Amino acid sequence: MGNRQALLAAARTCVYLRGFAGTTARDIATEAGVSLAAIGYHFGTKDRLLTEAFTEAAGHLMGDELAERIRAAARARSRAAAFADTWTGIGDLFTRHRDAIVASAENLIRGHRSTTADQRHMATVHEDAVAEFAALVGDTLPTLSEAQARAIGKLYFVLINGLAMQWISDPISPLPTGEELATAVVALAH
């Protein structure tokens, strides 16, 4: 593993242990086994390193499992059933990746208060996520137009983020079921 990848992994480890506020650049460099200057060389700032570490982590963890859910759901008897199947039990996914989900949410807020360059980076990451969802939906439902697949990609991006925030902010109440979400979407379409 190169210094860049070591720094990304170390940033995640430090934040999981100490939180964003308690993590210093020195902590990350020490954990990665590199010099403090390596952060500047590879990322410019500690904030940029943290932004990249958590956008990458959340994208991989959530994206891979959600992609598999979308592919499996595509075999459903209808589009509404496929939609419901995709979102059924999504809280289990959040629970399995609790640390990454919570840190990712904290990273979003931190990024909002960060530099314009970090905000542009987050916008690019979000656009990439929507494009990945759109491509996946388009592959599983080839009769959709490109515009329809993109609209569904945007909806999925909003849903995964919104449901994650609801799960974080209210861990006691159940998330909406896939069936409830599908019922809402179908009702709006008629």
N, C-alpha and C. Protein backbone atom coordinates (compact mmCIF):
# COMPACT_ATOMS: atom_id res chain seq x y z
N MET A 1 0.84 -1.17 0.00
CA MET A 1 0.00 0.00 0.00
C MET A 1 0.89 1.23 0.00
N GLY A 2 0.62 2.16 -0.89
CA GLY A 2 1.39 3.40 -0.97
C GLY A 2 1.00 4.38 0.12
N ASN A 3 1.76 5.47 0.20
CA ASN A 3 1.49 6.47 1.24
C ASN A 3 0.08 7.05 1.15
N ARG A 4 -0.38 7.30 -0.07
CA ARG A 4 -1.71 7.89 -0.24
C ARG A 4 -2.78 6.97 0.34
N GLN A 5 -2.74 5.71 -0.03
CA GLN A 5 -3.73 4.74 0.48
C GLN A 5 -3.57 4.53 1.98
N ALA A 6 -2.32 4.53 2.46
CA ALA A 6 -2.09 4.39 3.90
C ALA A 6 -2.69 5.56 4.67
N LEU A 7 -2.58 6.76 4.12
CA LEU A 7 -3.17 7.93 4.77
C LEU A 7 -4.70 7.87 4.79
N LEU A 8 -5.30 7.42 3.69
CA LEU A 8 -6.76 7.30 3.65
C LEU A 8 -7.24 6.30 4.70
N ALA A 9 -6.58 5.14 4.78
CA ALA A 9 -6.95 4.13 5.76
C ALA A 9 -6.72 4.63 7.18
N ALA A 10 -5.60 5.30 7.41
CA ALA A 10 -5.29 5.82 8.74
C ALA A 10 -6.29 6.89 9.16
N ALA A 11 -6.71 7.73 8.24
CA ALA A 11 -7.70 8.77 8.55
C ALA A 11 -8.99 8.12 9.04
N ARG A 12 -9.43 7.08 8.36
CA ARG A 12 -10.66 6.40 8.79
C ARG A 12 -10.47 5.78 10.18
N THR A 13 -9.35 5.11 10.39
CA THR A 13 -9.09 4.49 11.69
C THR A 13 -9.10 5.52 12.80
N CYS A 14 -8.41 6.63 12.60
CA CYS A 14 -8.33 7.67 13.63
C CYS A 14 -9.70 8.28 13.92
N VAL A 15 -10.47 8.55 12.88
CA VAL A 15 -11.79 9.14 13.10
C VAL A 15 -12.71 8.16 13.81
N TYR A 16 -12.66 6.88 13.46
CA TYR A 16 -13.48 5.90 14.15
C TYR A 16 -13.13 5.85 15.64
N LEU A 17 -11.85 6.02 15.96
CA LEU A 17 -11.40 5.97 17.36
C LEU A 17 -11.62 7.28 18.11
N ARG A 18 -11.36 8.42 17.45
CA ARG A 18 -11.33 9.71 18.14
C ARG A 18 -12.39 10.71 17.68
N GLY A 19 -13.07 10.42 16.58
CA GLY A 19 -13.99 11.40 16.01
C GLY A 19 -13.23 12.40 15.17
N PHE A 20 -13.95 13.20 14.41
CA PHE A 20 -13.31 14.20 13.55
C PHE A 20 -12.60 15.26 14.38
N ALA A 21 -13.29 15.76 15.40
CA ALA A 21 -12.71 16.85 16.20
C ALA A 21 -11.47 16.40 16.96
N GLY A 22 -11.42 15.15 17.36
CA GLY A 22 -10.29 14.67 18.14
C GLY A 22 -9.14 14.13 17.33
N THR A 23 -9.26 14.14 16.02
CA THR A 23 -8.21 13.59 15.15
C THR A 23 -7.32 14.71 14.62
N THR A 24 -6.03 14.57 14.86
CA THR A 24 -5.07 15.56 14.35
C THR A 24 -4.34 15.00 13.13
N ALA A 25 -3.72 15.89 12.41
CA ALA A 25 -2.90 15.46 11.26
C ALA A 25 -1.77 14.55 11.74
N ARG A 26 -1.20 14.87 12.89
CA ARG A 26 -0.11 14.05 13.44
C ARG A 26 -0.61 12.64 13.76
N ASP A 27 -1.84 12.53 14.31
CA ASP A 27 -2.42 11.21 14.60
C ASP A 27 -2.49 10.38 13.32
N ILE A 28 -2.97 11.00 12.26
CA ILE A 28 -3.14 10.29 10.98
C ILE A 28 -1.78 9.86 10.43
N ALA A 29 -0.82 10.78 10.41
CA ALA A 29 0.51 10.46 9.87
C ALA A 29 1.15 9.34 10.68
N THR A 30 1.03 9.40 11.99
CA THR A 30 1.61 8.35 12.85
C THR A 30 0.95 7.02 12.56
N GLU A 31 -0.36 7.01 12.49
CA GLU A 31 -1.10 5.76 12.22
C GLU A 31 -0.71 5.19 10.85
N ALA A 32 -0.47 6.06 9.88
CA ALA A 32 -0.10 5.62 8.53
C ALA A 32 1.37 5.23 8.42
N GLY A 33 2.16 5.67 9.40
CA GLY A 33 3.59 5.39 9.35
C GLY A 33 4.32 6.23 8.32
N VAL A 34 3.84 7.46 8.13
CA VAL A 34 4.46 8.37 7.16
C VAL A 34 4.74 9.70 7.85
N SER A 35 5.46 10.56 7.16
CA SER A 35 5.74 11.89 7.72
C SER A 35 4.50 12.76 7.62
N LEU A 36 4.46 13.77 8.47
CA LEU A 36 3.38 14.74 8.44
C LEU A 36 3.30 15.45 7.08
N ALA A 37 4.45 15.64 6.46
CA ALA A 37 4.50 16.31 5.16
C ALA A 37 3.77 15.51 4.07
N ALA A 38 3.63 14.20 4.26
CA ALA A 38 2.95 13.37 3.26
C ALA A 38 1.49 13.78 3.08
N ILE A 39 0.87 14.26 4.15
CA ILE A 39 -0.52 14.73 4.04
C ILE A 39 -0.58 15.91 3.07
N GLY A 40 0.32 16.86 3.26
CA GLY A 40 0.36 18.02 2.37
C GLY A 40 0.67 17.63 0.94
N TYR A 41 1.58 16.71 0.76
CA TYR A 41 1.98 16.28 -0.58
C TYR A 41 0.82 15.62 -1.32
N HIS A 42 0.12 14.72 -0.65
CA HIS A 42 -0.93 13.94 -1.32
C HIS A 42 -2.29 14.62 -1.33
N PHE A 43 -2.59 15.43 -0.29
CA PHE A 43 -3.94 15.97 -0.17
C PHE A 43 -4.00 17.48 0.00
N GLY A 44 -2.90 18.11 0.32
CA GLY A 44 -2.90 19.55 0.55
C GLY A 44 -3.19 19.90 2.00
N THR A 45 -4.31 19.38 2.52
CA THR A 45 -4.69 19.67 3.90
C THR A 45 -5.27 18.43 4.56
N LYS A 46 -5.32 18.46 5.88
CA LYS A 46 -5.95 17.38 6.64
C LYS A 46 -7.44 17.30 6.28
N ASP A 47 -8.08 18.46 6.14
CA ASP A 47 -9.51 18.45 5.81
C ASP A 47 -9.78 17.75 4.49
N ARG A 48 -8.94 18.02 3.49
CA ARG A 48 -9.13 17.37 2.19
C ARG A 48 -8.91 15.86 2.31
N LEU A 49 -7.91 15.47 3.09
CA LEU A 49 -7.67 14.03 3.33
C LEU A 49 -8.91 13.41 3.96
N LEU A 50 -9.48 14.04 4.97
CA LEU A 50 -10.66 13.49 5.63
C LEU A 50 -11.85 13.42 4.68
N THR A 51 -12.02 14.46 3.88
CA THR A 51 -13.11 14.47 2.91
C THR A 51 -12.98 13.28 1.95
N GLU A 52 -11.80 13.10 1.41
CA GLU A 52 -11.60 11.99 0.47
C GLU A 52 -11.71 10.64 1.15
N ALA A 53 -11.20 10.52 2.37
CA ALA A 53 -11.25 9.24 3.08
C ALA A 53 -12.68 8.78 3.30
N PHE A 54 -13.55 9.70 3.65
CA PHE A 54 -14.91 9.30 3.99
C PHE A 54 -15.86 9.29 2.81
N THR A 55 -15.61 10.07 1.80
CA THR A 55 -16.45 9.94 0.60
C THR A 55 -16.11 8.63 -0.10
N GLU A 56 -14.84 8.26 -0.11
CA GLU A 56 -14.42 6.99 -0.72
C GLU A 56 -14.97 5.81 0.07
N ALA A 57 -14.84 5.84 1.38
CA ALA A 57 -15.29 4.72 2.22
C ALA A 57 -16.78 4.50 2.10
N ALA A 58 -17.57 5.56 2.23
CA ALA A 58 -19.02 5.42 2.16
C ALA A 58 -19.44 4.95 0.78
N GLY A 59 -18.81 5.49 -0.24
CA GLY A 59 -19.14 5.08 -1.61
C GLY A 59 -18.91 3.61 -1.85
N HIS A 60 -17.80 3.09 -1.38
CA HIS A 60 -17.50 1.67 -1.60
C HIS A 60 -18.39 0.77 -0.75
N LEU A 61 -18.50 1.09 0.53
CA LEU A 61 -19.28 0.23 1.42
C LEU A 61 -20.74 0.19 1.01
N MET A 62 -21.31 1.37 0.87
CA MET A 62 -22.72 1.44 0.55
C MET A 62 -22.98 1.09 -0.90
N GLY A 63 -22.15 1.61 -1.77
CA GLY A 63 -22.38 1.43 -3.19
C GLY A 63 -22.38 -0.01 -3.62
N ASP A 64 -21.44 -0.79 -3.13
CA ASP A 64 -21.36 -2.20 -3.54
C ASP A 64 -22.58 -2.98 -3.07
N GLU A 65 -22.96 -2.80 -1.82
CA GLU A 65 -24.11 -3.54 -1.30
C GLU A 65 -25.42 -3.06 -1.91
N LEU A 66 -25.55 -1.75 -2.08
CA LEU A 66 -26.77 -1.23 -2.68
C LEU A 66 -26.86 -1.66 -4.15
N ALA A 67 -25.75 -1.68 -4.83
CA ALA A 67 -25.74 -2.15 -6.23
C ALA A 67 -26.23 -3.60 -6.31
N GLU A 68 -25.78 -4.42 -5.38
CA GLU A 68 -26.22 -5.82 -5.37
C GLU A 68 -27.72 -5.91 -5.09
N ARG A 69 -28.22 -5.06 -4.21
CA ARG A 69 -29.66 -5.04 -3.93
C ARG A 69 -30.44 -4.66 -5.19
N ILE A 70 -29.95 -3.66 -5.91
CA ILE A 70 -30.63 -3.20 -7.13
C ILE A 70 -30.64 -4.31 -8.18
N ARG A 71 -29.50 -4.98 -8.34
CA ARG A 71 -29.43 -6.08 -9.32
C ARG A 71 -30.38 -7.21 -8.94
N ALA A 72 -30.38 -7.59 -7.67
CA ALA A 72 -31.25 -8.68 -7.22
C ALA A 72 -32.73 -8.29 -7.36
N ALA A 73 -33.05 -7.06 -7.03
CA ALA A 73 -34.43 -6.60 -7.09
C ALA A 73 -34.94 -6.54 -8.53
N ALA A 74 -34.05 -6.35 -9.49
CA ALA A 74 -34.46 -6.24 -10.90
C ALA A 74 -35.17 -7.50 -11.38
N ARG A 75 -34.98 -8.59 -10.67
CA ARG A 75 -35.64 -9.85 -11.06
C ARG A 75 -37.08 -9.93 -10.53
N ALA A 76 -37.55 -8.87 -9.86
CA ALA A 76 -38.90 -8.85 -9.29
C ALA A 76 -39.95 -8.83 -10.40
N ARG A 77 -41.16 -9.08 -10.02
CA ARG A 77 -42.27 -9.20 -10.97
C ARG A 77 -42.69 -7.88 -11.60
N SER A 78 -42.37 -6.75 -10.95
CA SER A 78 -42.73 -5.44 -11.50
C SER A 78 -41.70 -4.41 -11.05
N ARG A 79 -41.74 -3.24 -11.67
CA ARG A 79 -40.81 -2.17 -11.27
C ARG A 79 -41.09 -1.72 -9.84
N ALA A 80 -42.38 -1.65 -9.47
CA ALA A 80 -42.74 -1.25 -8.11
C ALA A 80 -42.20 -2.27 -7.10
N ALA A 81 -42.32 -3.54 -7.44
CA ALA A 81 -41.81 -4.58 -6.54
C ALA A 81 -40.28 -4.52 -6.47
N ALA A 82 -39.64 -4.24 -7.60
CA ALA A 82 -38.18 -4.11 -7.61
C ALA A 82 -37.74 -2.95 -6.74
N PHE A 83 -38.46 -1.84 -6.83
CA PHE A 83 -38.16 -0.68 -5.99
C PHE A 83 -38.32 -1.05 -4.52
N ALA A 84 -39.42 -1.69 -4.18
CA ALA A 84 -39.66 -2.09 -2.79
C ALA A 84 -38.56 -3.03 -2.30
N ASP A 85 -38.20 -4.00 -3.12
CA ASP A 85 -37.16 -4.96 -2.74
C ASP A 85 -35.81 -4.28 -2.50
N THR A 86 -35.51 -3.26 -3.31
CA THR A 86 -34.24 -2.54 -3.16
C THR A 86 -34.15 -1.90 -1.78
N TRP A 87 -35.24 -1.34 -1.28
CA TRP A 87 -35.21 -0.55 -0.05
C TRP A 87 -35.66 -1.32 1.18
N THR A 88 -36.14 -2.54 1.00
CA THR A 88 -36.53 -3.36 2.15
C THR A 88 -35.31 -3.73 2.98
N GLY A 89 -35.37 -3.47 4.27
CA GLY A 89 -34.28 -3.83 5.17
C GLY A 89 -33.03 -2.98 5.02
N ILE A 90 -33.16 -1.78 4.49
CA ILE A 90 -31.98 -0.94 4.27
C ILE A 90 -31.29 -0.59 5.59
N GLY A 91 -32.06 -0.56 6.67
CA GLY A 91 -31.47 -0.29 7.98
C GLY A 91 -30.42 -1.31 8.37
N ASP A 92 -30.59 -2.55 7.91
CA ASP A 92 -29.58 -3.59 8.19
C ASP A 92 -28.23 -3.23 7.56
N LEU A 93 -28.28 -2.65 6.39
CA LEU A 93 -27.06 -2.20 5.72
C LEU A 93 -26.39 -1.10 6.55
N PHE A 94 -27.18 -0.17 7.05
CA PHE A 94 -26.64 0.90 7.88
C PHE A 94 -26.04 0.33 9.16
N THR A 95 -26.72 -0.62 9.77
CA THR A 95 -26.23 -1.21 11.01
C THR A 95 -24.89 -1.92 10.79
N ARG A 96 -24.76 -2.64 9.69
CA ARG A 96 -23.49 -3.34 9.40
C ARG A 96 -22.33 -2.38 9.20
N HIS A 97 -22.63 -1.20 8.72
CA HIS A 97 -21.58 -0.22 8.42
C HIS A 97 -21.75 1.05 9.27
N ARG A 98 -22.16 0.85 10.51
CA ARG A 98 -22.50 1.95 11.41
C ARG A 98 -21.41 3.02 11.48
N ASP A 99 -20.17 2.63 11.77
CA ASP A 99 -19.10 3.62 11.92
C ASP A 99 -18.91 4.45 10.66
N ALA A 100 -18.94 3.79 9.51
CA ALA A 100 -18.74 4.51 8.25
C ALA A 100 -19.91 5.44 7.95
N ILE A 101 -21.13 5.01 8.27
CA ILE A 101 -22.31 5.83 7.99
C ILE A 101 -22.30 7.08 8.86
N VAL A 102 -22.03 6.91 10.15
CA VAL A 102 -22.00 8.05 11.07
C VAL A 102 -20.88 9.01 10.69
N ALA A 103 -19.69 8.46 10.41
CA ALA A 103 -18.56 9.33 10.02
C ALA A 103 -18.84 10.03 8.70
N SER A 104 -19.49 9.35 7.78
CA SER A 104 -19.81 9.96 6.49
C SER A 104 -20.77 11.13 6.68
N ALA A 105 -21.76 10.96 7.55
CA ALA A 105 -22.70 12.06 7.81
C ALA A 105 -21.97 13.25 8.45
N GLU A 106 -21.10 12.95 9.39
CA GLU A 106 -20.31 14.01 10.02
C GLU A 106 -19.43 14.70 8.98
N ASN A 107 -18.90 13.93 8.07
CA ASN A 107 -18.06 14.47 7.01
C ASN A 107 -18.85 15.41 6.09
N LEU A 108 -20.09 15.07 5.81
CA LEU A 108 -20.92 15.94 4.98
C LEU A 108 -21.11 17.31 5.62
N ILE A 109 -21.39 17.32 6.91
CA ILE A 109 -21.57 18.58 7.63
C ILE A 109 -20.24 19.34 7.66
N ARG A 110 -19.17 18.65 7.97
CA ARG A 110 -17.84 19.27 8.01
C ARG A 110 -17.49 19.85 6.65
N GLY A 111 -17.79 19.10 5.60
CA GLY A 111 -17.52 19.56 4.24
C GLY A 111 -18.31 20.80 3.88
N HIS A 112 -19.53 20.89 4.39
CA HIS A 112 -20.36 22.06 4.12
C HIS A 112 -19.73 23.33 4.69
N ARG A 113 -19.02 23.16 5.79
CA ARG A 113 -18.38 24.31 6.44
C ARG A 113 -16.95 24.50 6.00
N SER A 114 -16.53 23.74 5.04
CA SER A 114 -15.13 23.75 4.60
C SER A 114 -14.92 24.72 3.44
N THR A 115 -13.79 24.58 2.80
CA THR A 115 -13.41 25.47 1.70
C THR A 115 -14.25 25.22 0.45
N THR A 116 -14.24 26.17 -0.42
CA THR A 116 -14.95 26.04 -1.69
C THR A 116 -14.40 24.86 -2.48
N ALA A 117 -13.10 24.63 -2.42
CA ALA A 117 -12.50 23.50 -3.15
C ALA A 117 -13.04 22.18 -2.62
N ASP A 118 -13.16 22.04 -1.30
CA ASP A 118 -13.72 20.82 -0.73
C ASP A 118 -15.19 20.67 -1.11
N GLN A 119 -15.92 21.77 -1.16
CA GLN A 119 -17.32 21.70 -1.55
C GLN A 119 -17.45 21.28 -3.02
N ARG A 120 -16.55 21.78 -3.87
CA ARG A 120 -16.56 21.36 -5.28
C ARG A 120 -16.25 19.87 -5.39
N HIS A 121 -15.29 19.42 -4.57
CA HIS A 121 -14.95 17.99 -4.57
C HIS A 121 -16.18 17.16 -4.18
N MET A 122 -16.91 17.59 -3.14
CA MET A 122 -18.11 16.86 -2.71
C MET A 122 -19.16 16.87 -3.82
N ALA A 123 -19.31 17.97 -4.51
CA ALA A 123 -20.28 18.04 -5.61
C ALA A 123 -19.92 17.03 -6.70
N THR A 124 -18.63 16.90 -6.98
CA THR A 124 -18.17 15.92 -7.97
C THR A 124 -18.45 14.50 -7.50
N VAL A 125 -18.19 14.25 -6.23
CA VAL A 125 -18.45 12.91 -5.67
C VAL A 125 -19.94 12.59 -5.77
N HIS A 126 -20.79 13.55 -5.45
CA HIS A 126 -22.23 13.33 -5.52
C HIS A 126 -22.67 13.08 -6.96
N GLU A 127 -22.15 13.85 -7.88
CA GLU A 127 -22.50 13.66 -9.29
C GLU A 127 -22.06 12.28 -9.77
N ASP A 128 -20.89 11.85 -9.35
CA ASP A 128 -20.40 10.51 -9.72
C ASP A 128 -21.32 9.42 -9.16
N ALA A 129 -21.79 9.61 -7.91
CA ALA A 129 -22.68 8.63 -7.30
C ALA A 129 -24.00 8.54 -8.06
N VAL A 130 -24.55 9.68 -8.43
CA VAL A 130 -25.80 9.69 -9.21
C VAL A 130 -25.58 8.99 -10.55
N ALA A 131 -24.46 9.27 -11.21
CA ALA A 131 -24.16 8.63 -12.50
C ALA A 131 -24.02 7.12 -12.34
N GLU A 132 -23.40 6.67 -11.25
CA GLU A 132 -23.27 5.23 -11.01
C GLU A 132 -24.63 4.58 -10.79
N PHE A 133 -25.48 5.23 -9.99
CA PHE A 133 -26.84 4.70 -9.79
C PHE A 133 -27.59 4.67 -11.11
N ALA A 134 -27.49 5.73 -11.89
CA ALA A 134 -28.20 5.79 -13.17
C ALA A 134 -27.74 4.68 -14.10
N ALA A 135 -26.44 4.45 -14.16
CA ALA A 135 -25.90 3.39 -15.03
C ALA A 135 -26.39 2.02 -14.56
N LEU A 136 -26.39 1.81 -13.27
CA LEU A 136 -26.83 0.53 -12.72
C LEU A 136 -28.31 0.30 -12.99
N VAL A 137 -29.11 1.32 -12.75
CA VAL A 137 -30.54 1.21 -13.01
C VAL A 137 -30.78 0.99 -14.51
N GLY A 138 -30.07 1.72 -15.34
CA GLY A 138 -30.20 1.55 -16.79
C GLY A 138 -29.82 0.15 -17.25
N ASP A 139 -28.80 -0.42 -16.63
CA ASP A 139 -28.39 -1.79 -16.97
C ASP A 139 -29.43 -2.82 -16.54
N THR A 140 -30.03 -2.60 -15.36
CA THR A 140 -31.00 -3.59 -14.87
C THR A 140 -32.39 -3.42 -15.48
N LEU A 141 -32.68 -2.21 -15.96
CA LEU A 141 -33.97 -1.94 -16.60
C LEU A 141 -33.69 -1.29 -17.96
N PRO A 142 -33.28 -2.08 -18.95
CA PRO A 142 -32.81 -1.52 -20.22
C PRO A 142 -33.89 -0.81 -21.04
N THR A 143 -35.16 -0.95 -20.68
CA THR A 143 -36.20 -0.25 -21.44
C THR A 143 -36.35 1.21 -21.00
N LEU A 144 -35.67 1.61 -19.94
CA LEU A 144 -35.73 3.00 -19.49
C LEU A 144 -34.95 3.89 -20.45
N SER A 145 -35.41 5.11 -20.59
CA SER A 145 -34.63 6.09 -21.33
C SER A 145 -33.47 6.53 -20.44
N GLU A 146 -32.50 7.19 -21.04
CA GLU A 146 -31.36 7.70 -20.26
C GLU A 146 -31.84 8.71 -19.22
N ALA A 147 -32.80 9.55 -19.60
CA ALA A 147 -33.34 10.55 -18.66
C ALA A 147 -34.06 9.88 -17.50
N GLN A 148 -34.81 8.81 -17.78
CA GLN A 148 -35.50 8.10 -16.71
C GLN A 148 -34.50 7.43 -15.76
N ALA A 149 -33.49 6.80 -16.32
CA ALA A 149 -32.47 6.14 -15.48
C ALA A 149 -31.76 7.17 -14.61
N ARG A 150 -31.47 8.33 -15.18
CA ARG A 150 -30.80 9.39 -14.41
C ARG A 150 -31.72 9.91 -13.30
N ALA A 151 -32.99 10.10 -13.59
CA ALA A 151 -33.93 10.56 -12.57
C ALA A 151 -34.02 9.55 -11.42
N ILE A 152 -34.05 8.27 -11.76
CA ILE A 152 -34.10 7.23 -10.73
C ILE A 152 -32.77 7.21 -9.96
N GLY A 153 -31.66 7.42 -10.65
CA GLY A 153 -30.36 7.50 -9.98
C GLY A 153 -30.34 8.62 -8.95
N LYS A 154 -30.91 9.77 -9.31
CA LYS A 154 -31.00 10.89 -8.37
C LYS A 154 -31.90 10.54 -7.19
N LEU A 155 -33.03 9.90 -7.48
CA LEU A 155 -33.93 9.50 -6.41
C LEU A 155 -33.23 8.53 -5.45
N TYR A 156 -32.51 7.56 -5.99
CA TYR A 156 -31.81 6.58 -5.14
C TYR A 156 -30.74 7.27 -4.29
N PHE A 157 -30.04 8.24 -4.88
CA PHE A 157 -29.02 8.96 -4.12
C PHE A 157 -29.66 9.73 -2.96
N VAL A 158 -30.77 10.40 -3.24
CA VAL A 158 -31.47 11.15 -2.19
C VAL A 158 -32.01 10.20 -1.13
N LEU A 159 -32.57 9.08 -1.56
CA LEU A 159 -33.13 8.13 -0.60
C LEU A 159 -32.06 7.53 0.31
N ILE A 160 -30.95 7.10 -0.25
CA ILE A 160 -29.92 6.48 0.59
C ILE A 160 -29.39 7.48 1.61
N ASN A 161 -29.20 8.72 1.19
CA ASN A 161 -28.70 9.74 2.11
C ASN A 161 -29.77 10.14 3.13
N GLY A 162 -30.98 10.33 2.67
CA GLY A 162 -32.07 10.71 3.58
C GLY A 162 -32.38 9.63 4.60
N LEU A 163 -32.42 8.39 4.14
CA LEU A 163 -32.68 7.28 5.06
C LEU A 163 -31.54 7.12 6.06
N ALA A 164 -30.30 7.33 5.59
CA ALA A 164 -29.16 7.25 6.51
C ALA A 164 -29.27 8.33 7.58
N MET A 165 -29.62 9.54 7.19
CA MET A 165 -29.76 10.62 8.17
C MET A 165 -30.90 10.33 9.15
N GLN A 166 -31.99 9.79 8.66
CA GLN A 166 -33.10 9.43 9.55
C GLN A 166 -32.65 8.34 10.52
N TRP A 167 -31.92 7.35 10.03
CA TRP A 167 -31.43 6.24 10.85
C TRP A 167 -30.49 6.77 11.94
N ILE A 168 -29.63 7.73 11.58
CA ILE A 168 -28.70 8.30 12.56
C ILE A 168 -29.44 9.15 13.59
N SER A 169 -30.36 9.99 13.14
CA SER A 169 -31.01 10.94 14.04
C SER A 169 -32.12 10.32 14.88
N ASP A 170 -32.67 9.20 14.44
CA ASP A 170 -33.75 8.55 15.19
C ASP A 170 -33.54 7.04 15.16
N PRO A 171 -32.62 6.54 15.98
CA PRO A 171 -32.30 5.12 15.94
C PRO A 171 -33.39 4.23 16.54
N ILE A 172 -34.41 4.82 17.16
CA ILE A 172 -35.46 4.04 17.81
C ILE A 172 -36.59 3.69 16.84
N SER A 173 -37.03 4.67 16.08
CA SER A 173 -38.16 4.44 15.16
C SER A 173 -37.71 3.66 13.94
N PRO A 174 -38.59 2.82 13.42
CA PRO A 174 -38.22 2.08 12.21
C PRO A 174 -38.19 3.00 10.99
N LEU A 175 -37.31 2.66 10.07
CA LEU A 175 -37.28 3.36 8.79
C LEU A 175 -38.50 2.96 7.98
N PRO A 176 -38.89 3.78 7.01
CA PRO A 176 -39.98 3.35 6.13
C PRO A 176 -39.59 2.04 5.45
N THR A 177 -40.56 1.18 5.27
CA THR A 177 -40.27 -0.09 4.59
C THR A 177 -40.16 0.14 3.08
N GLY A 178 -39.58 -0.80 2.40
CA GLY A 178 -39.52 -0.72 0.94
C GLY A 178 -40.91 -0.66 0.34
N GLU A 179 -41.83 -1.41 0.93
CA GLU A 179 -43.22 -1.42 0.46
C GLU A 179 -43.87 -0.06 0.64
N GLU A 180 -43.63 0.59 1.78
CA GLU A 180 -44.18 1.93 2.01
C GLU A 180 -43.62 2.94 1.01
N LEU A 181 -42.32 2.89 0.77
CA LEU A 181 -41.72 3.79 -0.20
C LEU A 181 -42.28 3.54 -1.60
N ALA A 182 -42.41 2.28 -1.97
CA ALA A 182 -42.96 1.95 -3.30
C ALA A 182 -44.40 2.41 -3.42
N THR A 183 -45.19 2.24 -2.36
CA THR A 183 -46.57 2.70 -2.37
C THR A 183 -46.64 4.20 -2.59
N ALA A 184 -45.75 4.94 -1.94
CA ALA A 184 -45.72 6.40 -2.11
C ALA A 184 -45.38 6.79 -3.54
N VAL A 185 -44.37 6.14 -4.10
CA VAL A 185 -43.93 6.47 -5.47
C VAL A 185 -45.03 6.14 -6.47
N VAL A 186 -45.67 4.99 -6.32
CA VAL A 186 -46.74 4.59 -7.23
C VAL A 186 -47.93 5.55 -7.11
N ALA A 187 -48.26 5.92 -5.86
CA ALA A 187 -49.38 6.84 -5.65
C ALA A 187 -49.11 8.19 -6.28
N LEU A 188 -47.89 8.67 -6.21
CA LEU A 188 -47.55 9.94 -6.85
C LEU A 188 -47.62 9.85 -8.37
N ALA A 189 -47.36 8.68 -8.91
CA ALA A 189 -47.34 8.51 -10.37
C ALA A 189 -48.76 8.49 -10.96
N HIS A 190 -49.74 8.21 -10.15
CA HIS A 190 -51.11 8.14 -10.67
C HIS A 190 -51.88 9.40 -10.51
